Amino acid sequence: MAFPFLFPINNQRPRLACEITPDGVVAARPADALQTITAFAPLFAGALVPGLKTPNIIDKVAVVAALKRALDAVEARDKRLTLVVPDAAARVLLLDFDTLPAKLSEALPVVRFRLRKLVPFEVDDAAISYQITQQNAEEARALVTAMPQSVLAEYEEAVRLAGYEPGVVLPSTLASLAGITQPEPALLVNLNGNSVTTAITRGNELLLHRSIELPGEQILRDDELRHAVSVSIAYFEDTLASMPDAVFYAGPGGAPELTRVFELEQFRVRDVVSAAAGNGTTVPRGLMAGVSGALAS
């Protein structure tokens, strides 16, 4: 699957990736065609609180230290990386237009104009990228990613302070979706801190991307998570006239955590990527999806 980047330096993603999550930093790089070297550095609760306003990084020292520890452990020669950020720090939208100019310089003002009433932040200086997913004589559909400039700068600064250079920035779910290789329609649930994103794909087409904030109390949190998944399953059934044969999960605890919360036996819950070990460090179950997708060809 190919999804839009924020500020790509070139068309080739770096072969080093890291994801910053409230649970910790995951880093990965390919060792060869079959093996990936991975590392994980945990964060204490509250060090990172993703959102559309700064600060996201509450304890800069702790986050920079975790970035450096995880990235140094995979021993990459090239310091440029693909950075995966929490979904809550950006907005991903599917927008329909009558038409979009072919030139980027002409299309971006059109996209920004549409975003002004759709996102709760200033769009004039926001980092925005888009990808046209469908186009004909009557209309164009675009997958748009927007991130407040101040929030993007905060994450990029942390990476640079750790001694690395952010080359491409991807929201977590868009990165994770690239790790799902089945041709059939798929439903992904991505739990990341205090937000959950559900996404539905059909081949290379993104049909749904929906993020909501979750309450802090565990019982209410589980209820909201169940509701978010139920809404997405209903959308899947209405749009595709079928039910998903499995629900893919990316998030802390892996498939058992979502199975515990959701309690629906008719759906198999599968990790997008199982736990991985690298350089003596085991990445906790459920946290490999973002970097694996970021490194996918």
C-alpha atoms as a PDB file:
ATOM      1  CA  MET A   1       0.000   0.000   0.000  1.00  0.00           C
ATOM      2  CA  ALA A   2       1.195   3.526  -0.720  1.00  0.00           C
ATOM      3  CA  PHE A   3       0.087   6.407   1.442  1.00  0.00           C
ATOM      4  CA  PRO A   4       1.055  10.089   1.555  1.00  0.00           C
ATOM      5  CA  PHE A   5       4.127  11.308   3.375  1.00  0.00           C
ATOM      6  CA  LEU A   6       4.676  14.468   5.340  1.00  0.00           C
ATOM      7  CA  PHE A   7       7.762  16.219   3.989  1.00  0.00           C
ATOM      8  CA  PRO A   8       9.473  13.361   2.119  1.00  0.00           C
ATOM      9  CA  ILE A   9      13.050  14.220   1.186  1.00  0.00           C
ATOM     10  CA  ASN A  10      12.841  11.987  -1.853  1.00  0.00           C
ATOM     11  CA  ASN A  11      10.712   9.180  -3.205  1.00  0.00           C
ATOM     12  CA  GLN A  12      12.672   6.477  -1.380  1.00  0.00           C
ATOM     13  CA  ARG A  13      11.859   5.990   2.285  1.00  0.00           C
ATOM     14  CA  PRO A  14      14.891   5.648   4.549  1.00  0.00           C
ATOM     15  CA  ARG A  15      15.745   2.062   5.503  1.00  0.00           C
ATOM     16  CA  LEU A  16      15.693   2.991   9.162  1.00  0.00           C
ATOM     17  CA  ALA A  17      12.397   3.564  10.967  1.00  0.00           C
ATOM     18  CA  CYS A  18      11.229   4.423  14.429  1.00  0.00           C
ATOM     19  CA  GLU A  19       7.839   4.921  16.008  1.00  0.00           C
ATOM     20  CA  ILE A  20       7.309   7.142  19.032  1.00  0.00           C
ATOM     21  CA  THR A  21       4.434   5.860  21.150  1.00  0.00           C
ATOM     22  CA  PRO A  22       3.288   6.671  24.696  1.00  0.00           C
ATOM     23  CA  ASP A  23       4.577   3.196  25.660  1.00  0.00           C
ATOM     24  CA  GLY A  24       8.041   3.742  24.236  1.00  0.00           C
ATOM     25  CA  VAL A  25      10.168   4.030  21.106  1.00  0.00           C
ATOM     26  CA  VAL A  26      10.444   1.185  18.592  1.00  0.00           C
ATOM     27  CA  ALA A  27      13.319   1.226  16.082  1.00  0.00           C
ATOM     28  CA  ALA A  28      13.975  -1.129  13.179  1.00  0.00           C
ATOM     29  CA  ARG A  29      16.145  -1.568  10.123  1.00  0.00           C
ATOM     30  CA  PRO A  30      16.488  -4.420   7.627  1.00  0.00           C
ATOM     31  CA  ALA A  31      19.509  -6.633   8.224  1.00  0.00           C
ATOM     32  CA  ASP A  32      18.985  -8.471   4.943  1.00  0.00           C
ATOM     33  CA  ALA A  33      16.090  -9.607   2.765  1.00  0.00           C
ATOM     34  CA  LEU A  34      14.716 -11.864   5.508  1.00  0.00           C
ATOM     35  CA  GLN A  35      15.697 -10.320   8.827  1.00  0.00           C
ATOM     36  CA  THR A  36      14.961  -7.044  10.575  1.00  0.00           C
ATOM     37  CA  ILE A  37      16.969  -5.721  13.500  1.00  0.00           C
ATOM     38  CA  THR A  38      14.686  -4.172  16.122  1.00  0.00           C
ATOM     39  CA  ALA A  39      14.946  -2.442  19.474  1.00  0.00           C
ATOM     40  CA  PHE A  40      12.604  -0.970  22.054  1.00  0.00           C
ATOM     41  CA  ALA A  41      13.100   1.667  24.741  1.00  0.00           C
ATOM     42  CA  PRO A  42      10.180   2.144  27.161  1.00  0.00           C
ATOM     43  CA  LEU A  43       8.758   5.474  28.324  1.00  0.00           C
ATOM     44  CA  PHE A  44       7.143   6.134  31.674  1.00  0.00           C
ATOM     45  CA  ALA A  45       3.453   7.067  31.677  1.00  0.00           C
ATOM     46  CA  GLY A  46       2.937  10.733  30.867  1.00  0.00           C
ATOM     47  CA  ALA A  47       6.279  11.376  29.151  1.00  0.00           C
ATOM     48  CA  LEU A  48       4.454  11.600  25.804  1.00  0.00           C
ATOM     49  CA  VAL A  49       0.851  12.801  25.486  1.00  0.00           C
ATOM     50  CA  PRO A  50      -0.047  12.935  21.762  1.00  0.00           C
ATOM     51  CA  GLY A  51      -2.409  15.599  20.482  1.00  0.00           C
ATOM     52  CA  LEU A  52      -2.880  18.478  18.075  1.00  0.00           C
ATOM     53  CA  LYS A  53      -1.423  21.077  20.454  1.00  0.00           C
ATOM     54  CA  THR A  54       2.024  21.421  21.935  1.00  0.00           C
ATOM     55  CA  PRO A  55       3.542  20.104  24.020  1.00  0.00           C
ATOM     56  CA  ASN A  56       3.139  16.464  23.009  1.00  0.00           C
ATOM     57  CA  ILE A  57       6.517  15.671  24.511  1.00  0.00           C
ATOM     58  CA  ILE A  58       6.085  16.368  28.202  1.00  0.00           C
ATOM     59  CA  ASP A  59       9.493  15.055  29.287  1.00  0.00           C
ATOM     60  CA  LYS A  60      11.894  15.923  26.478  1.00  0.00           C
ATOM     61  CA  VAL A  61      14.916  14.422  28.237  1.00  0.00           C
ATOM     62  CA  ALA A  62      13.181  11.059  28.651  1.00  0.00           C
ATOM     63  CA  VAL A  63      11.862  10.945  25.067  1.00  0.00           C
ATOM     64  CA  VAL A  64      15.189  11.953  23.511  1.00  0.00           C
ATOM     65  CA  ALA A  65      16.984   9.366  25.656  1.00  0.00           C
ATOM     66  CA  ALA A  66      14.538   6.650  24.563  1.00  0.00           C
ATOM     67  CA  LEU A  67      14.971   7.621  20.912  1.00  0.00           C
ATOM     68  CA  LYS A  68      18.736   7.491  21.187  1.00  0.00           C
ATOM     69  CA  ARG A  69      18.737   4.190  23.071  1.00  0.00           C
ATOM     70  CA  ALA A  70      16.424   2.425  20.600  1.00  0.00           C
ATOM     71  CA  LEU A  71      17.999   3.870  17.452  1.00  0.00           C
ATOM     72  CA  ASP A  72      21.594   3.342  18.563  1.00  0.00           C
ATOM     73  CA  ALA A  73      20.757  -0.288  19.376  1.00  0.00           C
ATOM     74  CA  VAL A  74      19.921  -1.119  15.742  1.00  0.00           C
ATOM     75  CA  GLU A  75      23.315   0.281  14.644  1.00  0.00           C
ATOM     76  CA  ALA A  76      22.228   2.034  11.458  1.00  0.00           C
ATOM     77  CA  ARG A  77      24.932   3.642   9.355  1.00  0.00           C
ATOM     78  CA  ASP A  78      22.529   6.120   7.748  1.00  0.00           C
ATOM     79  CA  LYS A  79      21.107   8.490  10.373  1.00  0.00           C
ATOM     80  CA  ARG A  80      18.148   9.535   8.216  1.00  0.00           C
ATOM     81  CA  LEU A  81      14.928   7.756   9.164  1.00  0.00           C
ATOM     82  CA  THR A  82      11.237   7.319   8.620  1.00  0.00           C
ATOM     83  CA  LEU A  83       9.497   8.687  11.694  1.00  0.00           C
ATOM     84  CA  VAL A  84       6.119   7.240  12.708  1.00  0.00           C
ATOM     85  CA  VAL A  85       4.105   9.549  14.963  1.00  0.00           C
ATOM     86  CA  PRO A  86       0.884   8.919  16.926  1.00  0.00           C
ATOM     87  CA  ASP A  87      -2.381   9.307  15.034  1.00  0.00           C
ATOM     88  CA  ALA A  88      -3.578  11.829  17.610  1.00  0.00           C
ATOM     89  CA  ALA A  89      -0.837  14.238  16.477  1.00  0.00           C
ATOM     90  CA  ALA A  90      -2.210  14.493  12.931  1.00  0.00           C
ATOM     91  CA  ARG A  91      -5.432  14.326  10.962  1.00  0.00           C
ATOM     92  CA  VAL A  92      -6.074  11.928   8.080  1.00  0.00           C
ATOM     93  CA  LEU A  93      -9.083  12.626   5.869  1.00  0.00           C
ATOM     94  CA  LEU A  94     -10.658  11.301   2.696  1.00  0.00           C
ATOM     95  CA  LEU A  95     -11.874  14.317   0.706  1.00  0.00           C
ATOM     96  CA  ASP A  96     -13.857  14.588  -2.520  1.00  0.00           C
ATOM     97  CA  PHE A  97     -13.212  17.420  -4.982  1.00  0.00           C
ATOM     98  CA  ASP A  98     -14.800  18.339  -8.284  1.00  0.00           C
ATOM     99  CA  THR A  99     -11.259  18.496  -9.600  1.00  0.00           C
ATOM    100  CA  LEU A 100      -7.716  19.030  -8.378  1.00  0.00           C
ATOM    101  CA  PRO A 101      -4.994  20.795 -10.389  1.00  0.00           C
ATOM    102  CA  ALA A 102      -2.184  18.566 -11.566  1.00  0.00           C
ATOM    103  CA  LYS A 103       0.518  20.889 -10.211  1.00  0.00           C
ATOM    104  CA  LEU A 104       1.278  20.587  -6.495  1.00  0.00           C
ATOM    105  CA  SER A 105       1.689  24.365  -6.164  1.00  0.00           C
ATOM    106  CA  GLU A 106      -1.841  24.867  -7.480  1.00  0.00           C
ATOM    107  CA  ALA A 107      -3.491  21.938  -5.719  1.00  0.00           C
ATOM    108  CA  LEU A 108      -2.215  22.596  -2.181  1.00  0.00           C
ATOM    109  CA  PRO A 109      -4.113  25.902  -1.768  1.00  0.00           C
ATOM    110  CA  VAL A 110      -7.309  24.079  -2.784  1.00  0.00           C
ATOM    111  CA  VAL A 111      -6.663  21.342  -0.223  1.00  0.00           C
ATOM    112  CA  ARG A 112      -5.817  23.897   2.485  1.00  0.00           C
ATOM    113  CA  PHE A 113      -9.033  25.791   1.799  1.00  0.00           C
ATOM    114  CA  ARG A 114     -11.090  22.636   2.316  1.00  0.00           C
ATOM    115  CA  LEU A 115      -9.234  21.805   5.508  1.00  0.00           C
ATOM    116  CA  ARG A 116      -9.999  25.148   7.176  1.00  0.00           C
ATOM    117  CA  LYS A 117     -13.440  23.970   8.277  1.00  0.00           C
ATOM    118  CA  LEU A 118     -12.441  20.364   8.920  1.00  0.00           C
ATOM    119  CA  VAL A 119      -9.490  20.474  11.310  1.00  0.00           C
ATOM    120  CA  PRO A 120      -9.167  22.269  14.676  1.00  0.00           C
ATOM    121  CA  PHE A 121      -5.848  23.953  13.936  1.00  0.00           C
ATOM    122  CA  GLU A 122      -4.328  26.592  11.684  1.00  0.00           C
ATOM    123  CA  VAL A 123      -3.807  25.114   8.224  1.00  0.00           C
ATOM    124  CA  ASP A 124      -1.906  27.941   6.509  1.00  0.00           C
ATOM    125  CA  ASP A 125       1.432  26.761   7.893  1.00  0.00           C
ATOM    126  CA  ALA A 126       0.487  23.145   8.650  1.00  0.00           C
ATOM    127  CA  ALA A 127       2.392  20.231   7.126  1.00  0.00           C
ATOM    128  CA  ILE A 128       0.030  18.856   4.492  1.00  0.00           C
ATOM    129  CA  SER A 129       0.388  16.088   1.951  1.00  0.00           C
ATOM    130  CA  TYR A 130      -2.166  14.403  -0.246  1.00  0.00           C
ATOM    131  CA  GLN A 131      -2.520  11.518  -2.640  1.00  0.00           C
ATOM    132  CA  ILE A 132      -5.210  11.264  -5.287  1.00  0.00           C
ATOM    133  CA  THR A 133      -6.827   7.846  -4.885  1.00  0.00           C
ATOM    134  CA  GLN A 134      -9.582   8.156  -7.500  1.00  0.00           C
ATOM    135  CA  GLN A 135     -10.082  10.561 -10.372  1.00  0.00           C
ATOM    136  CA  ASN A 136     -12.402  10.822 -13.343  1.00  0.00           C
ATOM    137  CA  ALA A 137     -14.009  13.597 -15.383  1.00  0.00           C
ATOM    138  CA  GLU A 138     -16.562  14.373 -12.661  1.00  0.00           C
ATOM    139  CA  GLU A 139     -14.635  14.173  -9.393  1.00  0.00           C
ATOM    140  CA  ALA A 140     -11.396  13.445  -7.587  1.00  0.00           C
ATOM    141  CA  ARG A 141     -10.908  11.755  -4.216  1.00  0.00           C
ATOM    142  CA  ALA A 142      -7.801  12.473  -2.194  1.00  0.00           C
ATOM    143  CA  LEU A 143      -6.274  11.015   0.941  1.00  0.00           C
ATOM    144  CA  VAL A 144      -5.048  14.033   2.893  1.00  0.00           C
ATOM    145  CA  THR A 145      -2.703  14.107   5.876  1.00  0.00           C
ATOM    146  CA  ALA A 146      -2.358  17.298   7.934  1.00  0.00           C
ATOM    147  CA  MET A 147      -0.252  18.008  10.998  1.00  0.00           C
ATOM    148  CA  PRO A 148       0.190  21.259  12.946  1.00  0.00           C
ATOM    149  CA  GLN A 149       3.586  22.704  12.156  1.00  0.00           C
ATOM    150  CA  SER A 150       4.424  23.236  15.831  1.00  0.00           C
ATOM    151  CA  VAL A 151       3.645  19.593  16.659  1.00  0.00           C
ATOM    152  CA  LEU A 152       5.676  18.296  13.724  1.00  0.00           C
ATOM    153  CA  ALA A 153       8.599  20.498  14.765  1.00  0.00           C
ATOM    154  CA  GLU A 154       8.436  19.073  18.294  1.00  0.00           C
ATOM    155  CA  TYR A 155       8.823  15.466  17.102  1.00  0.00           C
ATOM    156  CA  GLU A 156      11.500  16.366  14.561  1.00  0.00           C
ATOM    157  CA  GLU A 157      13.494  18.255  17.191  1.00  0.00           C
ATOM    158  CA  ALA A 158      13.486  15.238  19.505  1.00  0.00           C
ATOM    159  CA  VAL A 159      14.835  13.018  16.715  1.00  0.00           C
ATOM    160  CA  ARG A 160      17.581  15.512  15.900  1.00  0.00           C
ATOM    161  CA  LEU A 161      18.555  15.869  19.556  1.00  0.00           C
ATOM    162  CA  ALA A 162      18.991  12.084  19.597  1.00  0.00           C
ATOM    163  CA  GLY A 163      21.478  12.419  16.729  1.00  0.00           C
ATOM    164  CA  TYR A 164      19.269  11.398  13.789  1.00  0.00           C
ATOM    165  CA  GLU A 165      17.488  13.138  10.916  1.00  0.00           C
ATOM    166  CA  PRO A 166      13.765  12.713  10.118  1.00  0.00           C
ATOM    167  CA  GLY A 167      13.416  12.150   6.375  1.00  0.00           C
ATOM    168  CA  VAL A 168       9.776  11.023   6.139  1.00  0.00           C
ATOM    169  CA  VAL A 169       6.981  11.391   8.691  1.00  0.00           C
ATOM    170  CA  LEU A 170       3.975   9.037   8.756  1.00  0.00           C
ATOM    171  CA  PRO A 171       0.988   8.775  11.113  1.00  0.00           C
ATOM    172  CA  SER A 172       0.891   5.431  12.889  1.00  0.00           C
ATOM    173  CA  THR A 173      -2.133   3.846  11.205  1.00  0.00           C
ATOM    174  CA  LEU A 174      -1.088   4.783   7.656  1.00  0.00           C
ATOM    175  CA  ALA A 175       2.292   3.219   8.374  1.00  0.00           C
ATOM    176  CA  SER A 176       0.750   0.118   9.964  1.00  0.00           C
ATOM    177  CA  LEU A 177      -1.613  -0.508   7.048  1.00  0.00           C
ATOM    178  CA  ALA A 178       1.342  -1.089   4.745  1.00  0.00           C
ATOM    179  CA  GLY A 179       2.128  -4.203   6.785  1.00  0.00           C
ATOM    180  CA  ILE A 180      -1.199  -5.854   5.858  1.00  0.00           C
ATOM    181  CA  THR A 181      -0.514  -7.796   2.698  1.00  0.00           C
ATOM    182  CA  GLN A 182      -3.779  -9.654   2.107  1.00  0.00           C
ATOM    183  CA  PRO A 183      -5.651  -8.610  -1.076  1.00  0.00           C
ATOM    184  CA  GLU A 184      -9.054  -8.974   0.592  1.00  0.00           C
ATOM    185  CA  PRO A 185     -10.678  -6.040   2.449  1.00  0.00           C
ATOM    186  CA  ALA A 186      -9.188  -5.588   5.907  1.00  0.00           C
ATOM    187  CA  LEU A 187     -10.154  -3.879   9.152  1.00  0.00           C
ATOM    188  CA  LEU A 188      -7.369  -2.502  11.354  1.00  0.00           C
ATOM    189  CA  VAL A 189      -7.691  -1.312  14.946  1.00  0.00           C
ATOM    190  CA  ASN A 190      -4.754   0.776  16.190  1.00  0.00           C
ATOM    191  CA  LEU A 191      -4.674   1.585  19.901  1.00  0.00           C
ATOM    192  CA  ASN A 192      -2.101   4.266  20.626  1.00  0.00           C
ATOM    193  CA  GLY A 193      -2.086   5.947  24.001  1.00  0.00           C
ATOM    194  CA  ASN A 194      -5.401   7.642  24.685  1.00  0.00           C
ATOM    195  CA  SER A 195      -6.722   7.322  21.144  1.00  0.00           C
ATOM    196  CA  VAL A 196      -7.897   4.535  18.878  1.00  0.00           C
ATOM    197  CA  THR A 197      -7.994   4.564  15.094  1.00  0.00           C
ATOM    198  CA  THR A 198     -10.012   2.167  12.963  1.00  0.00           C
ATOM    199  CA  ALA A 199      -9.266   1.831   9.265  1.00  0.00           C
ATOM    200  CA  ILE A 200     -10.704  -0.243   6.423  1.00  0.00           C
ATOM    201  CA  THR A 201      -8.852  -1.012   3.215  1.00  0.00           C
ATOM    202  CA  ARG A 202      -9.775  -2.767  -0.010  1.00  0.00           C
ATOM    203  CA  GLY A 203      -6.599  -3.586  -1.878  1.00  0.00           C
ATOM    204  CA  ASN A 204      -4.698  -0.297  -2.088  1.00  0.00           C
ATOM    205  CA  GLU A 205      -7.822   1.763  -1.440  1.00  0.00           C
ATOM    206  CA  LEU A 206      -8.475   3.318   1.959  1.00  0.00           C
ATOM    207  CA  LEU A 207     -12.229   3.300   2.670  1.00  0.00           C
ATOM    208  CA  LEU A 208     -12.291   4.479   6.279  1.00  0.00           C
ATOM    209  CA  HIS A 209      -9.917   6.191   8.688  1.00  0.00           C
ATOM    210  CA  ARG A 210     -11.531   7.186  11.979  1.00  0.00           C
ATOM    211  CA  SER A 211      -9.738   8.328  15.138  1.00  0.00           C
ATOM    212  CA  ILE A 212     -11.338   9.025  18.510  1.00  0.00           C
ATOM    213  CA  GLU A 213     -10.013   9.934  21.929  1.00  0.00           C
ATOM    214  CA  LEU A 214     -10.495   7.473  24.769  1.00  0.00           C
ATOM    215  CA  PRO A 215     -11.319   8.314  28.386  1.00  0.00           C
ATOM    216  CA  GLY A 216      -8.776   7.601  31.087  1.00  0.00           C
ATOM    217  CA  GLU A 217     -10.926   5.336  33.257  1.00  0.00           C
ATOM    218  CA  GLN A 218     -10.445   1.692  32.218  1.00  0.00           C
ATOM    219  CA  ILE A 219     -14.131   0.671  32.183  1.00  0.00           C
ATOM    220  CA  LEU A 220     -15.158   3.697  30.104  1.00  0.00           C
ATOM    221  CA  ARG A 221     -12.093   3.216  27.915  1.00  0.00           C
ATOM    222  CA  ASP A 222     -13.062  -0.373  27.133  1.00  0.00           C
ATOM    223  CA  ASP A 223     -16.636   0.679  26.363  1.00  0.00           C
ATOM    224  CA  GLU A 224     -15.457   3.358  23.916  1.00  0.00           C
ATOM    225  CA  LEU A 225     -13.042   0.932  22.286  1.00  0.00           C
ATOM    226  CA  ARG A 226     -15.817  -1.639  21.823  1.00  0.00           C
ATOM    227  CA  HIS A 227     -18.075   1.026  20.346  1.00  0.00           C
ATOM    228  CA  ALA A 228     -15.380   2.250  17.923  1.00  0.00           C
ATOM    229  CA  VAL A 229     -14.776  -1.275  16.638  1.00  0.00           C
ATOM    230  CA  SER A 230     -18.511  -2.021  16.389  1.00  0.00           C
ATOM    231  CA  VAL A 231     -19.108   1.135  14.329  1.00  0.00           C
ATOM    232  CA  SER A 232     -16.296   0.191  11.953  1.00  0.00           C
ATOM    233  CA  ILE A 233     -17.555  -3.382  11.571  1.00  0.00           C
ATOM    234  CA  ALA A 234     -21.016  -2.000  10.725  1.00  0.00           C
ATOM    235  CA  TYR A 235     -19.431   0.316   8.147  1.00  0.00           C
ATOM    236  CA  PHE A 236     -17.479  -2.624   6.721  1.00  0.00           C
ATOM    237  CA  GLU A 237     -20.678  -4.645   6.345  1.00  0.00           C
ATOM    238  CA  ASP A 238     -22.658  -1.775   4.805  1.00  0.00           C
ATOM    239  CA  THR A 239     -19.922  -0.761   2.363  1.00  0.00           C
ATOM    240  CA  LEU A 240     -18.595  -4.157   1.335  1.00  0.00           C
ATOM    241  CA  ALA A 241     -21.713  -6.313   1.857  1.00  0.00           C
ATOM    242  CA  SER A 242     -19.665  -8.758   3.904  1.00  0.00           C
ATOM    243  CA  MET A 243     -18.138  -9.182   7.329  1.00  0.00           C
ATOM    244  CA  PRO A 244     -14.380  -9.100   7.986  1.00  0.00           C
ATOM    245  CA  ASP A 245     -12.926 -12.562   8.467  1.00  0.00           C
ATOM    246  CA  ALA A 246     -10.429 -11.076  10.929  1.00  0.00           C
ATOM    247  CA  VAL A 247      -9.694  -7.868  12.775  1.00  0.00           C
ATOM    248  CA  PHE A 248      -6.048  -6.752  12.592  1.00  0.00           C
ATOM    249  CA  TYR A 249      -4.680  -5.106  15.712  1.00  0.00           C
ATOM    250  CA  ALA A 250      -1.759  -2.793  16.376  1.00  0.00           C
ATOM    251  CA  GLY A 251      -1.230  -1.672  19.925  1.00  0.00           C
ATOM    252  CA  PRO A 252      -0.023  -2.561  23.412  1.00  0.00           C
ATOM    253  CA  GLY A 253      -0.725  -6.122  24.469  1.00  0.00           C
ATOM    254  CA  GLY A 254      -1.305  -7.413  20.966  1.00  0.00           C
ATOM    255  CA  ALA A 255      -4.292  -9.478  19.845  1.00  0.00           C
ATOM    256  CA  PRO A 256      -5.089 -10.856  23.331  1.00  0.00           C
ATOM    257  CA  GLU A 257      -5.738  -7.319  24.614  1.00  0.00           C
ATOM    258  CA  LEU A 258      -8.297  -6.513  21.913  1.00  0.00           C
ATOM    259  CA  THR A 259      -9.868  -9.966  22.310  1.00  0.00           C
ATOM    260  CA  ARG A 260     -10.249  -9.312  26.037  1.00  0.00           C
ATOM    261  CA  VAL A 261     -11.929  -5.968  25.469  1.00  0.00           C
ATOM    262  CA  PHE A 262     -14.097  -6.851  22.508  1.00  0.00           C
ATOM    263  CA  GLU A 263     -15.299 -10.347  23.439  1.00  0.00           C
ATOM    264  CA  LEU A 264     -16.644 -11.296  20.016  1.00  0.00           C
ATOM    265  CA  GLU A 265     -15.900 -14.896  19.170  1.00  0.00           C
ATOM    266  CA  GLN A 266     -17.007 -14.685  15.537  1.00  0.00           C
ATOM    267  CA  PHE A 267     -13.982 -12.533  14.653  1.00  0.00           C
ATOM    268  CA  ARG A 268     -10.397 -13.653  14.750  1.00  0.00           C
ATOM    269  CA  VAL A 269      -8.126 -10.959  16.112  1.00  0.00           C
ATOM    270  CA  ARG A 270      -4.666 -10.951  14.561  1.00  0.00           C
ATOM    271  CA  ASP A 271      -1.577  -8.882  15.253  1.00  0.00           C
ATOM    272  CA  VAL A 272      -0.417  -6.956  12.209  1.00  0.00           C
ATOM    273  CA  VAL A 273       3.088  -8.008  13.276  1.00  0.00           C
ATOM    274  CA  SER A 274       3.953 -10.303  16.163  1.00  0.00           C
ATOM    275  CA  ALA A 275       6.547  -9.385  18.778  1.00  0.00           C
ATOM    276  CA  ALA A 276      10.067  -9.201  17.447  1.00  0.00           C
ATOM    277  CA  ALA A 277      13.485  -9.543  19.013  1.00  0.00           C
ATOM    278  CA  GLY A 278      16.592  -7.662  17.989  1.00  0.00           C
ATOM    279  CA  ASN A 279      19.947  -6.913  19.586  1.00  0.00           C
ATOM    280  CA  GLY A 280      18.806  -8.718  22.716  1.00  0.00           C
ATOM    281  CA  THR A 281      15.728  -6.492  23.082  1.00  0.00           C
ATOM    282  CA  THR A 282      12.222  -7.824  22.691  1.00  0.00           C
ATOM    283  CA  VAL A 283       9.677  -5.400  21.274  1.00  0.00           C
ATOM    284  CA  PRO A 284       6.431  -5.741  23.246  1.00  0.00           C
ATOM    285  CA  ARG A 285       3.635  -7.509  21.442  1.00  0.00           C
ATOM    286  CA  GLY A 286       1.569  -5.258  19.200  1.00  0.00           C
ATOM    287  CA  LEU A 287       4.129  -2.457  18.821  1.00  0.00           C
ATOM    288  CA  MET A 288       5.938  -3.554  15.640  1.00  0.00           C
ATOM    289  CA  ALA A 289       3.232  -2.617  13.108  1.00  0.00           C
ATOM    290  CA  GLY A 290       4.278   0.983  12.482  1.00  0.00           C
ATOM    291  CA  VAL A 291       7.965   0.408  11.811  1.00  0.00           C
ATOM    292  CA  SER A 292       7.295  -2.755   9.811  1.00  0.00           C
ATOM    293  CA  GLY A 293       4.889  -0.891   7.565  1.00  0.00           C
ATOM    294  CA  ALA A 294       7.275   2.043   7.271  1.00  0.00           C
ATOM    295  CA  LEU A 295       9.972  -0.331   5.982  1.00  0.00           C
ATOM    296  CA  ALA A 296       7.632  -2.212   3.630  1.00  0.00           C
ATOM    297  CA  SER A 297       8.495  -1.892  -0.036  1.00  0.00           C
END
